[in-house]
C-alpha atoms as a PDB file:
ATOM      1  CA  UNK A   1       0.158   0.078   0.019  1.00  0.00           C
ATOM      2  CA  UNK A   2       1.454   3.371  -1.075  1.00  0.00           C
ATOM      3  CA  UNK A   3       1.565   6.435   1.238  1.00  0.00           C
ATOM      4  CA  UNK A   4      -0.839   8.251  -1.033  1.00  0.00           C
ATOM      5  CA  UNK A   5      -3.459   5.702  -0.900  1.00  0.00           C
ATOM      6  CA  UNK A   6      -3.030   5.052   2.920  1.00  0.00           C
ATOM      7  CA  UNK A   7      -3.805   8.823   3.406  1.00  0.00           C
ATOM      8  CA  UNK A   8      -6.757   9.069   1.302  1.00  0.00           C
ATOM      9  CA  UNK A   9      -8.322   6.054   2.919  1.00  0.00           C
ATOM     10  CA  UNK A  10      -7.688   7.363   6.441  1.00  0.00           C
ATOM     11  CA  UNK A  11      -9.536  10.435   5.246  1.00  0.00           C
ATOM     12  CA  UNK A  12     -12.241   8.286   4.085  1.00  0.00           C
ATOM     13  CA  UNK A  13     -12.739   5.717   6.948  1.00  0.00           C
ATOM     14  CA  UNK A  14     -12.036   8.309   9.841  1.00  0.00           C
ATOM     15  CA  UNK A  15     -14.946  10.295   9.023  1.00  0.00           C
ATOM     16  CA  UNK A  16     -16.593   9.570  12.229  1.00  0.00           C
ATOM     17  CA  UNK A  17     -13.831  11.696  13.822  1.00  0.00           C
ATOM     18  CA  UNK A  18     -14.701  14.604  11.522  1.00  0.00           C
ATOM     19  CA  UNK A  19     -18.545  14.403  12.131  1.00  0.00           C
ATOM     20  CA  UNK A  20     -17.559  15.030  16.021  1.00  0.00           C
ATOM     21  CA  UNK A  21     -15.785  18.379  15.075  1.00  0.00           C
ATOM     22  CA  UNK A  22     -12.244  17.019  14.728  1.00  0.00           C
ATOM     23  CA  UNK A  23      -9.973  18.343  11.978  1.00  0.00           C
ATOM     24  CA  UNK A  24      -7.274  16.097  10.298  1.00  0.00           C
ATOM     25  CA  UNK A  25      -3.562  17.182  10.176  1.00  0.00           C
ATOM     26  CA  UNK A  26      -0.789  15.391   8.543  1.00  0.00           C
ATOM     27  CA  UNK A  27       2.705  16.397   9.522  1.00  0.00           C
ATOM     28  CA  UNK A  28       5.288  14.221   7.945  1.00  0.00           C
ATOM     29  CA  UNK A  29       4.400  10.686   8.777  1.00  0.00           C
ATOM     30  CA  UNK A  30       2.093  11.769  11.777  1.00  0.00           C
ATOM     31  CA  UNK A  31      -1.657  12.018  11.502  1.00  0.00           C
ATOM     32  CA  UNK A  32      -3.468  14.012  13.984  1.00  0.00           C
ATOM     33  CA  UNK A  33      -7.046  14.583  14.615  1.00  0.00           C
ATOM     34  CA  UNK A  34      -7.643  17.686  16.622  1.00  0.00           C
ATOM     35  CA  UNK A  35     -10.410  19.678  18.059  1.00  0.00           C
ATOM     36  CA  UNK A  36     -10.431  22.816  20.162  1.00  0.00           C
ATOM     37  CA  UNK A  37     -13.310  23.658  22.714  1.00  0.00           C
ATOM     38  CA  UNK A  38     -12.984  26.609  25.027  1.00  0.00           C
ATOM     39  CA  UNK A  39      -9.694  26.670  26.388  1.00  0.00           C
ATOM     40  CA  UNK A  40      -8.799  23.017  25.753  1.00  0.00           C
ATOM     41  CA  UNK A  41      -7.483  21.230  22.846  1.00  0.00           C
ATOM     42  CA  UNK A  42      -8.481  17.668  22.207  1.00  0.00           C
ATOM     43  CA  UNK A  43      -6.299  15.504  19.971  1.00  0.00           C
ATOM     44  CA  UNK A  44      -5.431  11.922  18.879  1.00  0.00           C
ATOM     45  CA  UNK A  45      -2.370  11.057  16.883  1.00  0.00           C
ATOM     46  CA  UNK A  46      -0.642   8.043  15.411  1.00  0.00           C
ATOM     47  CA  UNK A  47       2.788   7.713  13.622  1.00  0.00           C
ATOM     48  CA  UNK A  48       3.414   5.511  10.439  1.00  0.00           C
ATOM     49  CA  UNK A  49       6.125   4.176   8.284  1.00  0.00           C
ATOM     50  CA  UNK A  50       5.856   2.588   4.704  1.00  0.00           C
ATOM     51  CA  UNK A  51       7.286  -0.676   4.332  1.00  0.00           C
ATOM     52  CA  UNK A  52       5.794  -3.225   1.853  1.00  0.00           C
ATOM     53  CA  UNK A  53       2.960  -2.594   4.246  1.00  0.00           C
ATOM     54  CA  UNK A  54       1.960   0.411   6.282  1.00  0.00           C
ATOM     55  CA  UNK A  55       3.478   0.334   9.998  1.00  0.00           C
ATOM     56  CA  UNK A  56       1.349   2.199  12.485  1.00  0.00           C
ATOM     57  CA  UNK A  57       2.760   3.100  15.970  1.00  0.00           C
ATOM     58  CA  UNK A  58       2.409   5.321  18.787  1.00  0.00           C
ATOM     59  CA  UNK A  59      -1.433   5.748  19.037  1.00  0.00           C
ATOM     60  CA  UNK A  60      -1.719   8.699  21.628  1.00  0.00           C
ATOM     61  CA  UNK A  61      -4.550  10.817  22.933  1.00  0.00           C
ATOM     62  CA  UNK A  62      -3.549  14.308  23.991  1.00  0.00           C
ATOM     63  CA  UNK A  63      -5.238  17.229  25.853  1.00  0.00           C
ATOM     64  CA  UNK A  64      -3.785  20.767  25.800  1.00  0.00           C
ATOM     65  CA  UNK A  65      -4.525  23.490  28.379  1.00  0.00           C
ATOM     66  CA  UNK A  66      -4.387  26.995  26.596  1.00  0.00           C
ATOM     67  CA  UNK A  67      -3.144  28.751  29.872  1.00  0.00           C
ATOM     68  CA  UNK A  68      -0.154  26.253  30.333  1.00  0.00           C
ATOM     69  CA  UNK A  69       0.641  26.127  26.501  1.00  0.00           C
ATOM     70  CA  UNK A  70       0.729  29.548  25.490  1.00  0.00           C
ATOM     71  CA  UNK A  71       3.036  30.560  28.335  1.00  0.00           C
ATOM     72  CA  UNK A  72       5.385  27.649  27.343  1.00  0.00           C
ATOM     73  CA  UNK A  73       5.299  28.545  23.805  1.00  0.00           C
ATOM     74  CA  UNK A  74       6.325  32.197  24.789  1.00  0.00           C
ATOM     75  CA  UNK A  75       9.123  30.448  26.967  1.00  0.00           C
ATOM     76  CA  UNK A  76      10.814  28.375  24.390  1.00  0.00           C
ATOM     77  CA  UNK A  77       9.624  30.228  21.162  1.00  0.00           C
ATOM     78  CA  UNK A  78       7.809  27.435  19.574  1.00  0.00           C
ATOM     79  CA  UNK A  79       4.105  26.828  18.624  1.00  0.00           C
ATOM     80  CA  UNK A  80       1.702  25.730  21.488  1.00  0.00           C
ATOM     81  CA  UNK A  81       1.674  21.918  22.050  1.00  0.00           C
ATOM     82  CA  UNK A  82      -0.246  19.711  24.275  1.00  0.00           C
ATOM     83  CA  UNK A  83      -0.238  19.234  27.998  1.00  0.00           C
ATOM     84  CA  UNK A  84      -1.049  15.641  29.048  1.00  0.00           C
ATOM     85  CA  UNK A  85      -1.025  12.440  27.124  1.00  0.00           C
ATOM     86  CA  UNK A  86      -2.568   8.879  27.278  1.00  0.00           C
ATOM     87  CA  UNK A  87      -0.760   6.371  25.355  1.00  0.00           C
ATOM     88  CA  UNK A  88      -2.598   3.050  23.806  1.00  0.00           C
ATOM     89  CA  UNK A  89      -0.830   0.139  25.449  1.00  0.00           C
ATOM     90  CA  UNK A  90      -3.048  -2.718  24.376  1.00  0.00           C
ATOM     91  CA  UNK A  91      -2.485  -5.677  22.562  1.00  0.00           C
ATOM     92  CA  UNK A  92      -2.348  -5.644  18.661  1.00  0.00           C
ATOM     93  CA  UNK A  93      -5.698  -7.360  17.168  1.00  0.00           C
ATOM     94  CA  UNK A  94      -5.300 -10.552  15.165  1.00  0.00           C
ATOM     95  CA  UNK A  95      -6.633  -8.882  12.170  1.00  0.00           C
ATOM     96  CA  UNK A  96      -3.512  -7.058  11.446  1.00  0.00           C
ATOM     97  CA  UNK A  97      -0.158  -8.296  10.097  1.00  0.00           C
ATOM     98  CA  UNK A  98       2.607  -9.324  12.632  1.00  0.00           C
ATOM     99  CA  UNK A  99       5.559  -9.123   9.937  1.00  0.00           C
ATOM    100  CA  UNK A 100       7.173  -6.429   8.013  1.00  0.00           C
ATOM    101  CA  UNK A 101       9.991  -7.338   5.576  1.00  0.00           C
ATOM    102  CA  UNK A 102       9.893 -10.948   6.861  1.00  0.00           C
ATOM    103  CA  UNK A 103      10.726  -9.595  10.633  1.00  0.00           C
ATOM    104  CA  UNK A 104       8.376 -10.273  13.430  1.00  0.00           C
ATOM    105  CA  UNK A 105       7.658  -7.014  15.263  1.00  0.00           C
ATOM    106  CA  UNK A 106       5.574  -6.451  18.244  1.00  0.00           C
ATOM    107  CA  UNK A 107       3.318  -3.803  19.538  1.00  0.00           C
ATOM    108  CA  UNK A 108       2.947  -2.130  15.802  1.00  0.00           C
ATOM    109  CA  UNK A 109       0.015  -2.516  13.568  1.00  0.00           C
ATOM    110  CA  UNK A 110       0.723  -3.511  10.065  1.00  0.00           C
ATOM    111  CA  UNK A 111      -1.765  -2.666   7.161  1.00  0.00           C
ATOM    112  CA  UNK A 112      -1.889  -3.661   3.478  1.00  0.00           C
ATOM    113  CA  UNK A 113      -5.265  -3.339   2.105  1.00  0.00           C
ATOM    114  CA  UNK A 114      -8.517  -1.037   2.492  1.00  0.00           C
ATOM    115  CA  UNK A 115     -10.382  -3.568   4.733  1.00  0.00           C
ATOM    116  CA  UNK A 116      -7.532  -3.345   7.326  1.00  0.00           C
ATOM    117  CA  UNK A 117      -7.708   0.506   7.232  1.00  0.00           C
ATOM    118  CA  UNK A 118     -11.403   0.075   8.018  1.00  0.00           C
ATOM    119  CA  UNK A 119     -10.636  -2.308  10.819  1.00  0.00           C
ATOM    120  CA  UNK A 120      -8.022   0.072  12.059  1.00  0.00           C
ATOM    121  CA  UNK A 121     -10.523   2.736  12.274  1.00  0.00           C
ATOM    122  CA  UNK A 122     -12.895   0.933  14.128  1.00  0.00           C
ATOM    123  CA  UNK A 123     -10.141  -0.323  16.447  1.00  0.00           C
ATOM    124  CA  UNK A 124      -9.092   3.408  17.079  1.00  0.00           C
ATOM    125  CA  UNK A 125     -12.765   4.305  17.532  1.00  0.00           C
ATOM    126  CA  UNK A 126     -12.889   1.789  20.639  1.00  0.00           C
ATOM    127  CA  UNK A 127      -9.850   3.409  21.996  1.00  0.00           C
ATOM    128  CA  UNK A 128     -11.183   6.907  21.609  1.00  0.00           C
ATOM    129  CA  UNK A 129     -14.546   6.032  23.252  1.00  0.00           C
ATOM    130  CA  UNK A 130     -13.626   3.881  25.863  1.00  0.00           C
ATOM    131  CA  UNK A 131     -10.147   5.395  26.899  1.00  0.00           C
ATOM    132  CA  UNK A 132      -9.526   8.567  25.278  1.00  0.00           C
ATOM    133  CA  UNK A 133     -12.861  10.352  25.989  1.00  0.00           C
ATOM    134  CA  UNK A 134     -12.519   9.122  29.864  1.00  0.00           C
ATOM    135  CA  UNK A 135      -8.991  10.592  30.067  1.00  0.00           C
ATOM    136  CA  UNK A 136     -10.337  14.082  28.577  1.00  0.00           C
ATOM    137  CA  UNK A 137     -13.075  14.055  30.994  1.00  0.00           C
ATOM    138  CA  UNK A 138     -11.149  12.847  34.214  1.00  0.00           C
ATOM    139  CA  UNK A 139      -8.462  15.495  33.621  1.00  0.00           C
ATOM    140  CA  UNK A 140     -10.878  18.517  33.278  1.00  0.00           C
ATOM    141  CA  UNK A 141      -8.668  21.138  34.956  1.00  0.00           C
ATOM    142  CA  UNK A 142      -5.116  21.458  36.147  1.00  0.00           C
ATOM    143  CA  UNK A 143      -5.977  20.510  39.798  1.00  0.00           C
ATOM    144  CA  UNK A 144      -6.886  17.112  38.847  1.00  0.00           C
ATOM    145  CA  UNK A 145      -3.536  16.607  36.923  1.00  0.00           C
ATOM    146  CA  UNK A 146      -1.677  17.572  40.251  1.00  0.00           C
ATOM    147  CA  UNK A 147      -4.027  15.279  42.493  1.00  0.00           C
ATOM    148  CA  UNK A 148      -3.334  12.279  40.121  1.00  0.00           C
ATOM    149  CA  UNK A 149       0.842  13.091  39.868  1.00  0.00           C
ATOM    150  CA  UNK A 150       0.592  13.230  43.759  1.00  0.00           C
ATOM    151  CA  UNK A 151      -0.633   9.545  43.700  1.00  0.00           C
ATOM    152  CA  UNK A 152       1.852   8.177  41.597  1.00  0.00           C
ATOM    153  CA  UNK A 153       5.280   6.849  42.566  1.00  0.00           C
ATOM    154  CA  UNK A 154       8.232   9.173  41.951  1.00  0.00           C
ATOM    155  CA  UNK A 155       9.557   7.736  38.530  1.00  0.00           C
ATOM    156  CA  UNK A 156       5.961   7.786  37.283  1.00  0.00           C
ATOM    157  CA  UNK A 157       5.039  11.306  38.124  1.00  0.00           C
ATOM    158  CA  UNK A 158       5.664  12.945  34.914  1.00  0.00           C
ATOM    159  CA  UNK A 159       4.607   9.831  32.863  1.00  0.00           C
ATOM    160  CA  UNK A 160       1.322  11.669  31.572  1.00  0.00           C
ATOM    161  CA  UNK A 161       3.029  15.065  30.890  1.00  0.00           C
ATOM    162  CA  UNK A 162       3.930  15.728  27.315  1.00  0.00           C
ATOM    163  CA  UNK A 163       7.620  16.198  26.809  1.00  0.00           C
ATOM    164  CA  UNK A 164       8.387  17.216  23.329  1.00  0.00           C
ATOM    165  CA  UNK A 165      11.679  19.497  23.333  1.00  0.00           C
ATOM    166  CA  UNK A 166      12.468  18.474  26.831  1.00  0.00           C
ATOM    167  CA  UNK A 167       9.361  20.498  28.171  1.00  0.00           C
ATOM    168  CA  UNK A 168       7.978  18.201  30.961  1.00  0.00           C
ATOM    169  CA  UNK A 169       9.713  20.129  33.860  1.00  0.00           C
ATOM    170  CA  UNK A 170       8.187  23.256  32.194  1.00  0.00           C
ATOM    171  CA  UNK A 171       4.766  21.969  32.065  1.00  0.00           C
ATOM    172  CA  UNK A 172       4.766  20.561  35.646  1.00  0.00           C
ATOM    173  CA  UNK A 173       6.036  23.871  36.974  1.00  0.00           C
ATOM    174  CA  UNK A 174       3.421  25.922  35.094  1.00  0.00           C
ATOM    175  CA  UNK A 175       0.663  23.484  36.034  1.00  0.00           C
ATOM    176  CA  UNK A 176       1.685  23.558  39.770  1.00  0.00           C
ATOM    177  CA  UNK A 177       2.018  27.441  39.493  1.00  0.00           C
ATOM    178  CA  UNK A 178      -1.491  27.901  38.139  1.00  0.00           C
ATOM    179  CA  UNK A 179      -3.042  25.613  40.880  1.00  0.00           C
ATOM    180  CA  UNK A 180      -0.874  26.777  43.826  1.00  0.00           C
ATOM    181  CA  UNK A 181       1.875  29.688  43.097  1.00  0.00           C
ATOM    182  CA  UNK A 182       3.745  28.552  46.046  1.00  0.00           C
ATOM    183  CA  UNK A 183       3.896  24.863  44.940  1.00  0.00           C
ATOM    184  CA  UNK A 184       4.931  25.999  41.603  1.00  0.00           C
ATOM    185  CA  UNK A 185       8.045  27.972  42.988  1.00  0.00           C
ATOM    186  CA  UNK A 186       8.905  25.289  45.191  1.00  0.00           C
ATOM    187  CA  UNK A 187       9.105  22.864  42.254  1.00  0.00           C
ATOM    188  CA  UNK A 188      11.179  25.463  40.474  1.00  0.00           C
ATOM    189  CA  UNK A 189      13.712  25.576  43.340  1.00  0.00           C
ATOM    190  CA  UNK A 190      13.955  21.896  43.854  1.00  0.00           C
ATOM    191  CA  UNK A 191      14.134  21.091  40.164  1.00  0.00           C
ATOM    192  CA  UNK A 192      17.087  23.656  39.422  1.00  0.00           C
ATOM    193  CA  UNK A 193      18.884  22.279  42.606  1.00  0.00           C
ATOM    194  CA  UNK A 194      18.680  18.759  41.252  1.00  0.00           C
ATOM    195  CA  UNK A 195      19.759  19.615  37.743  1.00  0.00           C
ATOM    196  CA  UNK A 196      22.522  22.194  39.002  1.00  0.00           C
ATOM    197  CA  UNK A 197      25.290  19.136  39.217  1.00  0.00           C
ATOM    198  CA  UNK A 198      24.514  18.276  35.268  1.00  0.00           C
ATOM    199  CA  UNK A 199      24.346  21.671  33.760  1.00  0.00           C
ATOM    200  CA  UNK A 200      27.202  21.453  31.876  1.00  0.00           C
ATOM    201  CA  UNK A 201      25.555  18.929  29.519  1.00  0.00           C
ATOM    202  CA  UNK A 202      23.659  21.207  27.119  1.00  0.00           C
ATOM    203  CA  UNK A 203      20.209  19.537  27.360  1.00  0.00           C
ATOM    204  CA  UNK A 204      19.976  20.376  31.119  1.00  0.00           C
ATOM    205  CA  UNK A 205      21.395  23.689  31.030  1.00  0.00           C
ATOM    206  CA  UNK A 206      18.655  24.652  28.325  1.00  0.00           C
ATOM    207  CA  UNK A 207      15.970  23.198  30.619  1.00  0.00           C
ATOM    208  CA  UNK A 208      17.735  25.229  33.559  1.00  0.00           C
ATOM    209  CA  UNK A 209      17.374  28.482  31.575  1.00  0.00           C
ATOM    210  CA  UNK A 210      13.945  27.839  30.243  1.00  0.00           C
ATOM    211  CA  UNK A 211      12.720  27.174  33.623  1.00  0.00           C
ATOM    212  CA  UNK A 212      14.205  30.403  34.681  1.00  0.00           C
ATOM    213  CA  UNK A 213      12.776  32.248  31.804  1.00  0.00           C
ATOM    214  CA  UNK A 214       9.176  30.680  32.700  1.00  0.00           C
ATOM    215  CA  UNK A 215       9.724  31.515  36.600  1.00  0.00           C
ATOM    216  CA  UNK A 216       9.921  35.336  35.418  1.00  0.00           C
ATOM    217  CA  UNK A 217       6.923  35.020  33.031  1.00  0.00           C
ATOM    218  CA  UNK A 218       4.766  33.452  35.682  1.00  0.00           C
ATOM    219  CA  UNK A 219       5.712  35.759  38.605  1.00  0.00           C
ATOM    220  CA  UNK A 220       5.867  39.085  36.371  1.00  0.00           C
ATOM    221  CA  UNK A 221       3.299  38.550  33.620  1.00  0.00           C
ATOM    222  CA  UNK A 222       3.325  41.328  31.017  1.00  0.00           C
END
C-alpha cells in the first residue's frame, strides 16, 4: 500500500472523527485529529512508516490546556503543544499483520489493504470512546492533574506529561504554579537544585534556563 493511498483511505475511513468536529492534519508521517473547545484542545495522533505494508505505532490521545501551552510557547519560542497524554498500550488485534519485511515485530499494527484500514479505524474508535474520552473528562482542570501526579510513585509522576523538546519540567512547573503559586516556585527551586550538578550538559543547561525564563513570565506577567 502506498503512502498516497493510505492517506486517502484514512480521510475516508475516519470520517466519524470529522463528524465530531475534529480536523485532520498530516505532518510528515504523523496523522493528527484535533478539536479545540473553549480553553482546551483535544487530539489523537498516530505515527506511521512505509514498508511493503504500512506500519502504525504510537497511538496517543492528547489534551492541551491553553493557559499552560501559551506561556510555554512564549518561553521556548515554539508553537503551542499539548499538556498531557494517554498512550494506547493494548494488544495488537489478530486482524493485522505481525510481520514487516519478513521480520516479526511487536506492538505495532501493519496494514496492507483497504479492509484493514477500516478495521484500524474501528479499533481506534474503541480506544477513543473507551479510554481517550474518559481521559479527557477525568483531567478536566489543572488541579486534577496535580492530584493524579501526587498519587503516582516518583518515577511515574511525569508519565502523563508531554515532553516534546524536553518541556515536561516546564509543564509541571506551570501547572503547579497555576494551581498554587507557592508549589510552583517550590518545584522550580527543587528542580534547578537537582539539575545543577549536570548543567554542563547542554540539554540540562537549556532546561534550567527555560525554567528561569518561565519563572519570570509566571511571576511578572506582562
